[in-house]
């Protein structure tokens, strides 16, 4: 009941924003008025019977390839090892997005981020994958995927430069916050990376007097701004934790790769992976208030100017 109460409260704060829904409200877009986008692709809970569940892809041994569709093509078989898919939802990430957005609106006296939400369960649609793996060739799921991505594209079209934050949840034993910039764990550990291969490449071209190390995990990084607000929220990469070492780490997925600045454009993107304890209702409001301040400080330094 507490989650429902909090969600209703946050939505009331944001009700002044225009909301656009996709087909059957499987997706939704809260139109913002600043160059910031918050996305939640894995927090949905709708499980319509009209959309078959994603289970495993279809393995074609002769070519060593997975085909993601219902039913399996000829000469392929369902394979939960070679073609495994993740169907677990990232609990409370929608609530986190709304809470952070509400705080940002409040702190800025009315400047609100764009919000893009997938309301379908991940067992029906994975909105952080390419369309085939995301929707398994099911028309209704593909439509929702296209609407979700279309909302992001529409939000981006309203900004010359900006920032997208893709909010996820993880259950890694380290229980830290992971910031993904499309740098693998091995490369983040070794330092074998360049700005051009990351989702904040455009930022590095704008901040010519700042080293990329500073933007990624130094004094001008999102990790630094989170640490400044509360050092108890251990974050990697950050000045205190510049590399994951032997720990678990997600480097970023389809959304930050497609809509960040690695490919093109001047909108940067960061995947934020939150541990379970931070997403629990007892901690969520406190963390959301902190994260909103950290995001605004990062935004003011790196996006606004």
C-alpha atoms as a PDB file:
ATOM      1  CA  UNK A   1       0.000   0.000   0.000  1.00  0.00           C
ATOM      2  CA  UNK A   2       2.888   2.391   0.742  1.00  0.00           C
ATOM      3  CA  UNK A   3       4.233   2.011  -2.803  1.00  0.00           C
ATOM      4  CA  UNK A   4       0.793   2.822  -4.261  1.00  0.00           C
ATOM      5  CA  UNK A   5       0.426   5.844  -1.956  1.00  0.00           C
ATOM      6  CA  UNK A   6       3.843   7.213  -2.870  1.00  0.00           C
ATOM      7  CA  UNK A   7       3.315   6.653  -6.585  1.00  0.00           C
ATOM      8  CA  UNK A   8      -0.052   8.458  -6.498  1.00  0.00           C
ATOM      9  CA  UNK A   9       1.560  11.360  -4.670  1.00  0.00           C
ATOM     10  CA  UNK A  10       4.400  11.680  -7.161  1.00  0.00           C
ATOM     11  CA  UNK A  11       2.015  11.488 -10.120  1.00  0.00           C
ATOM     12  CA  UNK A  12      -0.094  14.264  -8.576  1.00  0.00           C
ATOM     13  CA  UNK A  13       2.970  16.507  -8.397  1.00  0.00           C
ATOM     14  CA  UNK A  14       3.692  15.774 -12.069  1.00  0.00           C
ATOM     15  CA  UNK A  15       0.091  16.010 -13.293  1.00  0.00           C
ATOM     16  CA  UNK A  16       0.706  19.430 -14.857  1.00  0.00           C
ATOM     17  CA  UNK A  17       2.895  17.714 -17.458  1.00  0.00           C
ATOM     18  CA  UNK A  18       1.250  16.507 -20.656  1.00  0.00           C
ATOM     19  CA  UNK A  19       1.059  12.713 -20.726  1.00  0.00           C
ATOM     20  CA  UNK A  20       0.913  10.764 -23.988  1.00  0.00           C
ATOM     21  CA  UNK A  21       0.015   7.074 -23.870  1.00  0.00           C
ATOM     22  CA  UNK A  22       0.831   4.370 -26.360  1.00  0.00           C
ATOM     23  CA  UNK A  23      -1.481   1.555 -27.453  1.00  0.00           C
ATOM     24  CA  UNK A  24      -3.485   0.203 -24.478  1.00  0.00           C
ATOM     25  CA  UNK A  25      -1.285   2.328 -22.190  1.00  0.00           C
ATOM     26  CA  UNK A  26       1.545  -0.157 -22.552  1.00  0.00           C
ATOM     27  CA  UNK A  27       3.882   2.838 -22.774  1.00  0.00           C
ATOM     28  CA  UNK A  28       3.666   6.426 -21.589  1.00  0.00           C
ATOM     29  CA  UNK A  29       5.485   9.684 -22.130  1.00  0.00           C
ATOM     30  CA  UNK A  30       5.420  12.614 -19.701  1.00  0.00           C
ATOM     31  CA  UNK A  31       6.462  15.643 -21.727  1.00  0.00           C
ATOM     32  CA  UNK A  32       9.178  17.663 -20.008  1.00  0.00           C
ATOM     33  CA  UNK A  33      10.492  21.194 -20.454  1.00  0.00           C
ATOM     34  CA  UNK A  34      14.224  20.712 -19.905  1.00  0.00           C
ATOM     35  CA  UNK A  35      16.993  18.865 -21.740  1.00  0.00           C
ATOM     36  CA  UNK A  36      16.814  15.806 -19.490  1.00  0.00           C
ATOM     37  CA  UNK A  37      15.162  12.433 -20.170  1.00  0.00           C
ATOM     38  CA  UNK A  38      14.491   9.727 -17.560  1.00  0.00           C
ATOM     39  CA  UNK A  39      13.598   6.255 -18.817  1.00  0.00           C
ATOM     40  CA  UNK A  40      12.372   3.107 -17.050  1.00  0.00           C
ATOM     41  CA  UNK A  41      12.274   0.183 -19.509  1.00  0.00           C
ATOM     42  CA  UNK A  42      12.094  -2.724 -17.029  1.00  0.00           C
ATOM     43  CA  UNK A  43       9.729  -1.600 -14.267  1.00  0.00           C
ATOM     44  CA  UNK A  44       6.412  -2.557 -15.885  1.00  0.00           C
ATOM     45  CA  UNK A  45       3.962  -5.099 -14.482  1.00  0.00           C
ATOM     46  CA  UNK A  46       1.274  -5.534 -17.170  1.00  0.00           C
ATOM     47  CA  UNK A  47       0.996  -9.137 -18.423  1.00  0.00           C
ATOM     48  CA  UNK A  48      -1.674  -9.152 -21.167  1.00  0.00           C
ATOM     49  CA  UNK A  49      -2.634 -12.626 -22.354  1.00  0.00           C
ATOM     50  CA  UNK A  50      -2.667 -11.355 -25.944  1.00  0.00           C
ATOM     51  CA  UNK A  51       1.147 -11.136 -25.881  1.00  0.00           C
ATOM     52  CA  UNK A  52       2.932 -14.496 -25.567  1.00  0.00           C
ATOM     53  CA  UNK A  53       5.636 -14.493 -22.924  1.00  0.00           C
ATOM     54  CA  UNK A  54       9.278 -14.197 -23.849  1.00  0.00           C
ATOM     55  CA  UNK A  55      11.026 -17.388 -22.758  1.00  0.00           C
ATOM     56  CA  UNK A  56      14.083 -18.383 -24.764  1.00  0.00           C
ATOM     57  CA  UNK A  57      15.316 -17.790 -28.274  1.00  0.00           C
ATOM     58  CA  UNK A  58      15.502 -20.402 -31.002  1.00  0.00           C
ATOM     59  CA  UNK A  59      18.946 -21.891 -31.583  1.00  0.00           C
ATOM     60  CA  UNK A  60      20.140 -22.901 -35.033  1.00  0.00           C
ATOM     61  CA  UNK A  61      23.136 -25.098 -34.357  1.00  0.00           C
ATOM     62  CA  UNK A  62      24.339 -25.204 -37.966  1.00  0.00           C
ATOM     63  CA  UNK A  63      25.109 -21.463 -37.958  1.00  0.00           C
ATOM     64  CA  UNK A  64      25.458 -20.907 -34.212  1.00  0.00           C
ATOM     65  CA  UNK A  65      22.767 -18.236 -34.127  1.00  0.00           C
ATOM     66  CA  UNK A  66      19.717 -17.362 -32.023  1.00  0.00           C
ATOM     67  CA  UNK A  67      16.399 -16.335 -33.540  1.00  0.00           C
ATOM     68  CA  UNK A  68      14.005 -14.537 -31.222  1.00  0.00           C
ATOM     69  CA  UNK A  69      10.464 -15.196 -32.327  1.00  0.00           C
ATOM     70  CA  UNK A  70       7.247 -17.137 -31.754  1.00  0.00           C
ATOM     71  CA  UNK A  71       7.047 -19.852 -32.987  1.00  0.00           C
ATOM     72  CA  UNK A  72      10.557 -21.087 -33.686  1.00  0.00           C
ATOM     73  CA  UNK A  73      11.576 -21.172 -37.360  1.00  0.00           C
ATOM     74  CA  UNK A  74      12.301 -24.522 -38.963  1.00  0.00           C
ATOM     75  CA  UNK A  75      15.627 -26.139 -38.127  1.00  0.00           C
ATOM     76  CA  UNK A  76      15.764 -24.303 -34.789  1.00  0.00           C
ATOM     77  CA  UNK A  77      14.854 -25.295 -31.239  1.00  0.00           C
ATOM     78  CA  UNK A  78      14.135 -23.394 -28.039  1.00  0.00           C
ATOM     79  CA  UNK A  79      17.423 -23.163 -26.152  1.00  0.00           C
ATOM     80  CA  UNK A  80      17.540 -21.742 -22.622  1.00  0.00           C
ATOM     81  CA  UNK A  81      21.341 -21.920 -22.549  1.00  0.00           C
ATOM     82  CA  UNK A  82      22.540 -20.451 -25.841  1.00  0.00           C
ATOM     83  CA  UNK A  83      19.527 -18.181 -26.302  1.00  0.00           C
ATOM     84  CA  UNK A  84      18.610 -17.283 -22.728  1.00  0.00           C
ATOM     85  CA  UNK A  85      16.606 -14.110 -22.139  1.00  0.00           C
ATOM     86  CA  UNK A  86      16.069 -12.169 -18.923  1.00  0.00           C
ATOM     87  CA  UNK A  87      12.421 -11.753 -17.932  1.00  0.00           C
ATOM     88  CA  UNK A  88      12.869 -10.385 -14.396  1.00  0.00           C
ATOM     89  CA  UNK A  89      11.470  -6.919 -13.757  1.00  0.00           C
ATOM     90  CA  UNK A  90      13.467  -4.135 -12.113  1.00  0.00           C
ATOM     91  CA  UNK A  91      11.178  -3.537  -9.155  1.00  0.00           C
ATOM     92  CA  UNK A  92      10.378   0.040  -8.106  1.00  0.00           C
ATOM     93  CA  UNK A  93      12.316   1.666 -10.940  1.00  0.00           C
ATOM     94  CA  UNK A  94       9.178   3.407 -12.213  1.00  0.00           C
ATOM     95  CA  UNK A  95       8.541   4.714  -8.714  1.00  0.00           C
ATOM     96  CA  UNK A  96      12.165   5.879  -8.564  1.00  0.00           C
ATOM     97  CA  UNK A  97      11.871   7.746 -11.850  1.00  0.00           C
ATOM     98  CA  UNK A  98       8.708   9.553 -10.749  1.00  0.00           C
ATOM     99  CA  UNK A  99      10.214  10.398  -7.348  1.00  0.00           C
ATOM    100  CA  UNK A 100      13.411  11.799  -8.891  1.00  0.00           C
ATOM    101  CA  UNK A 101      11.411  13.770 -11.460  1.00  0.00           C
ATOM    102  CA  UNK A 102       9.191  15.260  -8.754  1.00  0.00           C
ATOM    103  CA  UNK A 103      12.240  16.392  -6.793  1.00  0.00           C
ATOM    104  CA  UNK A 104      13.803  17.957  -9.874  1.00  0.00           C
ATOM    105  CA  UNK A 105      10.558  19.829 -10.664  1.00  0.00           C
ATOM    106  CA  UNK A 106      10.479  21.095  -7.078  1.00  0.00           C
ATOM    107  CA  UNK A 107      14.143  22.086  -6.873  1.00  0.00           C
ATOM    108  CA  UNK A 108      13.980  24.013 -10.151  1.00  0.00           C
ATOM    109  CA  UNK A 109      10.563  25.594  -9.495  1.00  0.00           C
ATOM    110  CA  UNK A 110       8.993  23.956 -12.511  1.00  0.00           C
ATOM    111  CA  UNK A 111      11.704  22.646 -14.828  1.00  0.00           C
ATOM    112  CA  UNK A 112      10.742  18.999 -15.293  1.00  0.00           C
ATOM    113  CA  UNK A 113      12.451  16.127 -17.133  1.00  0.00           C
ATOM    114  CA  UNK A 114      10.889  14.113 -19.917  1.00  0.00           C
ATOM    115  CA  UNK A 115       9.802  10.668 -18.628  1.00  0.00           C
ATOM    116  CA  UNK A 116       9.450   7.559 -20.812  1.00  0.00           C
ATOM    117  CA  UNK A 117       7.946   4.454 -19.214  1.00  0.00           C
ATOM    118  CA  UNK A 118       7.327   0.867 -20.357  1.00  0.00           C
ATOM    119  CA  UNK A 119       4.352  -0.538 -18.441  1.00  0.00           C
ATOM    120  CA  UNK A 120       4.628  -4.067 -19.843  1.00  0.00           C
ATOM    121  CA  UNK A 121       6.297  -6.752 -17.779  1.00  0.00           C
ATOM    122  CA  UNK A 122       9.731  -7.719 -19.041  1.00  0.00           C
ATOM    123  CA  UNK A 123       8.290 -11.176 -19.679  1.00  0.00           C
ATOM    124  CA  UNK A 124       6.228  -9.529 -22.438  1.00  0.00           C
ATOM    125  CA  UNK A 125       8.628  -6.836 -23.673  1.00  0.00           C
ATOM    126  CA  UNK A 126      12.245  -5.971 -22.952  1.00  0.00           C
ATOM    127  CA  UNK A 127      12.485  -2.310 -23.938  1.00  0.00           C
ATOM    128  CA  UNK A 128      16.278  -2.296 -23.542  1.00  0.00           C
ATOM    129  CA  UNK A 129      16.982  -4.723 -26.384  1.00  0.00           C
ATOM    130  CA  UNK A 130      16.860  -4.629 -30.171  1.00  0.00           C
ATOM    131  CA  UNK A 131      13.331  -5.153 -31.448  1.00  0.00           C
ATOM    132  CA  UNK A 132      13.608  -8.850 -32.335  1.00  0.00           C
ATOM    133  CA  UNK A 133      14.923  -9.934 -28.939  1.00  0.00           C
ATOM    134  CA  UNK A 134      12.691  -7.401 -27.215  1.00  0.00           C
ATOM    135  CA  UNK A 135       9.370  -8.477 -28.729  1.00  0.00           C
ATOM    136  CA  UNK A 136       9.899 -11.965 -30.284  1.00  0.00           C
ATOM    137  CA  UNK A 137       8.102 -10.915 -33.459  1.00  0.00           C
ATOM    138  CA  UNK A 138       4.772 -10.345 -31.661  1.00  0.00           C
ATOM    139  CA  UNK A 139       2.974  -7.422 -33.324  1.00  0.00           C
ATOM    140  CA  UNK A 140       1.504  -5.917 -30.140  1.00  0.00           C
ATOM    141  CA  UNK A 141       4.856  -6.063 -28.351  1.00  0.00           C
ATOM    142  CA  UNK A 142       6.651  -4.642 -31.379  1.00  0.00           C
ATOM    143  CA  UNK A 143       4.181  -1.755 -31.453  1.00  0.00           C
ATOM    144  CA  UNK A 144       4.879  -0.993 -27.794  1.00  0.00           C
ATOM    145  CA  UNK A 145       8.642  -1.166 -28.452  1.00  0.00           C
ATOM    146  CA  UNK A 146       8.307   1.256 -31.370  1.00  0.00           C
ATOM    147  CA  UNK A 147       6.205   3.653 -29.288  1.00  0.00           C
ATOM    148  CA  UNK A 148       8.690   3.548 -26.402  1.00  0.00           C
ATOM    149  CA  UNK A 149      11.603   4.326 -28.702  1.00  0.00           C
ATOM    150  CA  UNK A 150       9.540   6.923 -30.550  1.00  0.00           C
ATOM    151  CA  UNK A 151       8.863   8.762 -27.307  1.00  0.00           C
ATOM    152  CA  UNK A 152      12.605   8.935 -26.609  1.00  0.00           C
ATOM    153  CA  UNK A 153      13.259  10.206 -30.118  1.00  0.00           C
ATOM    154  CA  UNK A 154      10.540  12.836 -29.748  1.00  0.00           C
ATOM    155  CA  UNK A 155      11.991  14.039 -26.449  1.00  0.00           C
ATOM    156  CA  UNK A 156      15.460  14.249 -28.010  1.00  0.00           C
ATOM    157  CA  UNK A 157      14.103  16.247 -30.946  1.00  0.00           C
ATOM    158  CA  UNK A 158      13.266  19.087 -28.554  1.00  0.00           C
ATOM    159  CA  UNK A 159      16.855  19.613 -27.402  1.00  0.00           C
ATOM    160  CA  UNK A 160      20.091  20.687 -29.066  1.00  0.00           C
ATOM    161  CA  UNK A 161      22.166  19.045 -26.355  1.00  0.00           C
ATOM    162  CA  UNK A 162      20.990  17.083 -23.360  1.00  0.00           C
ATOM    163  CA  UNK A 163      21.188  14.069 -21.088  1.00  0.00           C
ATOM    164  CA  UNK A 164      19.324  10.756 -20.916  1.00  0.00           C
ATOM    165  CA  UNK A 165      19.421   8.687 -17.721  1.00  0.00           C
ATOM    166  CA  UNK A 166      18.240   5.092 -18.098  1.00  0.00           C
ATOM    167  CA  UNK A 167      17.151   3.733 -14.699  1.00  0.00           C
ATOM    168  CA  UNK A 168      17.544   0.020 -13.876  1.00  0.00           C
ATOM    169  CA  UNK A 169      17.769  -2.314 -10.898  1.00  0.00           C
ATOM    170  CA  UNK A 170      20.277  -5.061 -10.110  1.00  0.00           C
ATOM    171  CA  UNK A 171      20.875  -7.556  -7.321  1.00  0.00           C
ATOM    172  CA  UNK A 172      24.667  -7.736  -7.352  1.00  0.00           C
ATOM    173  CA  UNK A 173      26.167  -8.689  -3.962  1.00  0.00           C
ATOM    174  CA  UNK A 174      28.300  -5.515  -3.860  1.00  0.00           C
ATOM    175  CA  UNK A 175      25.054  -3.508  -3.432  1.00  0.00           C
ATOM    176  CA  UNK A 176      26.595  -0.481  -5.104  1.00  0.00           C
ATOM    177  CA  UNK A 177      25.332   1.940  -7.752  1.00  0.00           C
ATOM    178  CA  UNK A 178      26.692   1.194 -11.219  1.00  0.00           C
ATOM    179  CA  UNK A 179      26.954   3.939 -13.847  1.00  0.00           C
ATOM    180  CA  UNK A 180      27.204   2.570 -17.386  1.00  0.00           C
ATOM    181  CA  UNK A 181      28.933   4.507 -20.178  1.00  0.00           C
ATOM    182  CA  UNK A 182      29.436   1.600 -22.650  1.00  0.00           C
ATOM    183  CA  UNK A 183      32.864   0.798 -21.230  1.00  0.00           C
ATOM    184  CA  UNK A 184      33.287  -2.866 -20.365  1.00  0.00           C
ATOM    185  CA  UNK A 185      34.330  -3.949 -16.889  1.00  0.00           C
ATOM    186  CA  UNK A 186      37.716  -5.132 -18.201  1.00  0.00           C
ATOM    187  CA  UNK A 187      38.390  -1.857 -20.005  1.00  0.00           C
ATOM    188  CA  UNK A 188      37.227   0.246 -17.075  1.00  0.00           C
ATOM    189  CA  UNK A 189      39.671  -1.667 -14.885  1.00  0.00           C
ATOM    190  CA  UNK A 190      42.581  -1.398 -17.323  1.00  0.00           C
ATOM    191  CA  UNK A 191      41.935   2.133 -18.574  1.00  0.00           C
ATOM    192  CA  UNK A 192      41.822   0.859 -22.153  1.00  0.00           C
ATOM    193  CA  UNK A 193      39.071   3.126 -23.494  1.00  0.00           C
ATOM    194  CA  UNK A 194      38.563   6.417 -25.294  1.00  0.00           C
ATOM    195  CA  UNK A 195      35.809   9.016 -25.120  1.00  0.00           C
ATOM    196  CA  UNK A 196      34.697   8.296 -28.694  1.00  0.00           C
ATOM    197  CA  UNK A 197      33.523   4.799 -27.736  1.00  0.00           C
ATOM    198  CA  UNK A 198      31.272   5.973 -24.910  1.00  0.00           C
ATOM    199  CA  UNK A 199      27.733   7.265 -24.478  1.00  0.00           C
ATOM    200  CA  UNK A 200      29.044  10.676 -23.292  1.00  0.00           C
ATOM    201  CA  UNK A 201      31.275  11.365 -26.286  1.00  0.00           C
ATOM    202  CA  UNK A 202      29.498  14.631 -27.116  1.00  0.00           C
ATOM    203  CA  UNK A 203      30.109  15.868 -23.583  1.00  0.00           C
ATOM    204  CA  UNK A 204      33.838  15.250 -24.009  1.00  0.00           C
ATOM    205  CA  UNK A 205      33.862  17.358 -27.191  1.00  0.00           C
ATOM    206  CA  UNK A 206      32.102  20.238 -25.433  1.00  0.00           C
ATOM    207  CA  UNK A 207      34.273  20.187 -22.308  1.00  0.00           C
ATOM    208  CA  UNK A 208      37.602  20.692 -24.043  1.00  0.00           C
ATOM    209  CA  UNK A 209      39.308  22.015 -20.904  1.00  0.00           C
ATOM    210  CA  UNK A 210      38.287  18.987 -18.809  1.00  0.00           C
ATOM    211  CA  UNK A 211      39.908  15.561 -19.101  1.00  0.00           C
ATOM    212  CA  UNK A 212      37.719  12.613 -19.987  1.00  0.00           C
ATOM    213  CA  UNK A 213      38.863  10.905 -16.769  1.00  0.00           C
ATOM    214  CA  UNK A 214      37.327  13.796 -14.838  1.00  0.00           C
ATOM    215  CA  UNK A 215      34.038  13.481 -16.751  1.00  0.00           C
ATOM    216  CA  UNK A 216      33.926   9.719 -16.327  1.00  0.00           C
ATOM    217  CA  UNK A 217      35.078   9.142 -12.737  1.00  0.00           C
ATOM    218  CA  UNK A 218      36.692  12.327 -11.515  1.00  0.00           C
ATOM    219  CA  UNK A 219      35.599  15.660 -10.105  1.00  0.00           C
ATOM    220  CA  UNK A 220      33.082  16.417 -12.862  1.00  0.00           C
ATOM    221  CA  UNK A 221      31.489  12.955 -13.038  1.00  0.00           C
ATOM    222  CA  UNK A 222      28.003  11.900 -11.995  1.00  0.00           C
ATOM    223  CA  UNK A 223      29.658   9.508  -9.536  1.00  0.00           C
ATOM    224  CA  UNK A 224      31.371  12.475  -7.877  1.00  0.00           C
ATOM    225  CA  UNK A 225      28.124  14.411  -7.532  1.00  0.00           C
ATOM    226  CA  UNK A 226      26.433  11.387  -5.945  1.00  0.00           C
ATOM    227  CA  UNK A 227      29.350  10.980  -3.525  1.00  0.00           C
ATOM    228  CA  UNK A 228      29.162  14.672  -2.633  1.00  0.00           C
ATOM    229  CA  UNK A 229      25.531  14.269  -1.596  1.00  0.00           C
ATOM    230  CA  UNK A 230      26.030  11.098   0.446  1.00  0.00           C
ATOM    231  CA  UNK A 231      29.209   8.987   0.538  1.00  0.00           C
ATOM    232  CA  UNK A 232      27.155   6.045   1.879  1.00  0.00           C
ATOM    233  CA  UNK A 233      25.763   5.496  -1.614  1.00  0.00           C
ATOM    234  CA  UNK A 234      28.798   3.689  -3.000  1.00  0.00           C
ATOM    235  CA  UNK A 235      29.061   4.356  -6.723  1.00  0.00           C
ATOM    236  CA  UNK A 236      31.257   2.957  -9.486  1.00  0.00           C
ATOM    237  CA  UNK A 237      32.863   4.608 -11.369  1.00  0.00           C
ATOM    238  CA  UNK A 238      33.512   7.571  -9.091  1.00  0.00           C
ATOM    239  CA  UNK A 239      36.565   9.231  -7.505  1.00  0.00           C
ATOM    240  CA  UNK A 240      36.379   6.852  -4.518  1.00  0.00           C
ATOM    241  CA  UNK A 241      35.634   3.773  -6.668  1.00  0.00           C
ATOM    242  CA  UNK A 242      37.093   4.424 -10.129  1.00  0.00           C
ATOM    243  CA  UNK A 243      36.864   0.805 -11.262  1.00  0.00           C
ATOM    244  CA  UNK A 244      34.820  -2.290 -10.335  1.00  0.00           C
ATOM    245  CA  UNK A 245      37.936  -4.495  -9.982  1.00  0.00           C
ATOM    246  CA  UNK A 246      36.589  -8.030  -9.355  1.00  0.00           C
ATOM    247  CA  UNK A 247      33.067  -6.819  -8.566  1.00  0.00           C
ATOM    248  CA  UNK A 248      29.986  -7.069 -10.739  1.00  0.00           C
ATOM    249  CA  UNK A 249      29.290  -4.230 -13.159  1.00  0.00           C
ATOM    250  CA  UNK A 250      26.829  -3.443 -15.976  1.00  0.00           C
ATOM    251  CA  UNK A 251      28.325  -1.209 -18.665  1.00  0.00           C
ATOM    252  CA  UNK A 252      25.106  -0.118 -20.402  1.00  0.00           C
ATOM    253  CA  UNK A 253      22.637  -1.543 -22.901  1.00  0.00           C
ATOM    254  CA  UNK A 254      20.593  -0.792 -25.994  1.00  0.00           C
ATOM    255  CA  UNK A 255      19.057   2.512 -24.867  1.00  0.00           C
ATOM    256  CA  UNK A 256      22.283   4.308 -23.915  1.00  0.00           C
ATOM    257  CA  UNK A 257      24.023   2.834 -26.957  1.00  0.00           C
ATOM    258  CA  UNK A 258      21.299   3.965 -29.347  1.00  0.00           C
ATOM    259  CA  UNK A 259      20.290   7.288 -27.829  1.00  0.00           C
ATOM    260  CA  UNK A 260      23.554   8.428 -26.261  1.00  0.00           C
ATOM    261  CA  UNK A 261      26.232  10.241 -28.241  1.00  0.00           C
ATOM    262  CA  UNK A 262      28.430   7.279 -29.140  1.00  0.00           C
ATOM    263  CA  UNK A 263      26.650   6.961 -32.485  1.00  0.00           C
ATOM    264  CA  UNK A 264      25.657  10.545 -33.281  1.00  0.00           C
ATOM    265  CA  UNK A 265      24.142  13.725 -31.907  1.00  0.00           C
ATOM    266  CA  UNK A 266      24.708  15.872 -28.849  1.00  0.00           C
ATOM    267  CA  UNK A 267      22.552  14.112 -26.247  1.00  0.00           C
ATOM    268  CA  UNK A 268      24.605  12.031 -23.817  1.00  0.00           C
ATOM    269  CA  UNK A 269      23.335   8.996 -21.903  1.00  0.00           C
ATOM    270  CA  UNK A 270      24.184   7.099 -18.730  1.00  0.00           C
ATOM    271  CA  UNK A 271      22.680   3.815 -17.491  1.00  0.00           C
ATOM    272  CA  UNK A 272      22.066   3.883 -13.739  1.00  0.00           C
ATOM    273  CA  UNK A 273      21.885   0.470 -12.077  1.00  0.00           C
ATOM    274  CA  UNK A 274      20.468   0.627  -8.552  1.00  0.00           C
ATOM    275  CA  UNK A 275      20.819  -2.096  -5.886  1.00  0.00           C
ATOM    276  CA  UNK A 276      17.688  -3.514  -4.313  1.00  0.00           C
ATOM    277  CA  UNK A 277      18.099  -1.876  -0.891  1.00  0.00           C
ATOM    278  CA  UNK A 278      18.041   1.589  -2.440  1.00  0.00           C
ATOM    279  CA  UNK A 279      14.832   0.812  -4.335  1.00  0.00           C
ATOM    280  CA  UNK A 280      12.937  -0.369  -1.244  1.00  0.00           C
ATOM    281  CA  UNK A 281      10.165   1.957  -0.096  1.00  0.00           C
ATOM    282  CA  UNK A 282      11.944   2.758   3.165  1.00  0.00           C
ATOM    283  CA  UNK A 283      15.035   4.116   1.370  1.00  0.00           C
ATOM    284  CA  UNK A 284      13.563   5.228  -1.954  1.00  0.00           C
ATOM    285  CA  UNK A 285      12.330   8.740  -1.005  1.00  0.00           C
ATOM    286  CA  UNK A 286      15.622   9.638   0.689  1.00  0.00           C
ATOM    287  CA  UNK A 287      17.698   8.338  -2.198  1.00  0.00           C
ATOM    288  CA  UNK A 288      15.489   9.953  -4.847  1.00  0.00           C
ATOM    289  CA  UNK A 289      15.878  13.361  -3.185  1.00  0.00           C
ATOM    290  CA  UNK A 290      19.656  12.896  -3.096  1.00  0.00           C
ATOM    291  CA  UNK A 291      19.863  11.649  -6.692  1.00  0.00           C
ATOM    292  CA  UNK A 292      17.789  14.579  -7.958  1.00  0.00           C
ATOM    293  CA  UNK A 293      20.282  17.030  -6.427  1.00  0.00           C
ATOM    294  CA  UNK A 294      23.239  15.101  -7.858  1.00  0.00           C
ATOM    295  CA  UNK A 295      21.647  14.996 -11.317  1.00  0.00           C
ATOM    296  CA  UNK A 296      20.931  18.738 -11.271  1.00  0.00           C
ATOM    297  CA  UNK A 297      24.503  19.531 -10.231  1.00  0.00           C
ATOM    298  CA  UNK A 298      25.832  17.288 -13.003  1.00  0.00           C
ATOM    299  CA  UNK A 299      23.337  18.829 -15.448  1.00  0.00           C
ATOM    300  CA  UNK A 300      24.317  22.385 -14.551  1.00  0.00           C
ATOM    301  CA  UNK A 301      28.023  21.651 -15.024  1.00  0.00           C
ATOM    302  CA  UNK A 302      27.860  19.494 -18.127  1.00  0.00           C
ATOM    303  CA  UNK A 303      24.615  20.067 -20.025  1.00  0.00           C
ATOM    304  CA  UNK A 304      23.073  23.438 -19.233  1.00  0.00           C
ATOM    305  CA  UNK A 305      26.090  25.491 -20.232  1.00  0.00           C
END
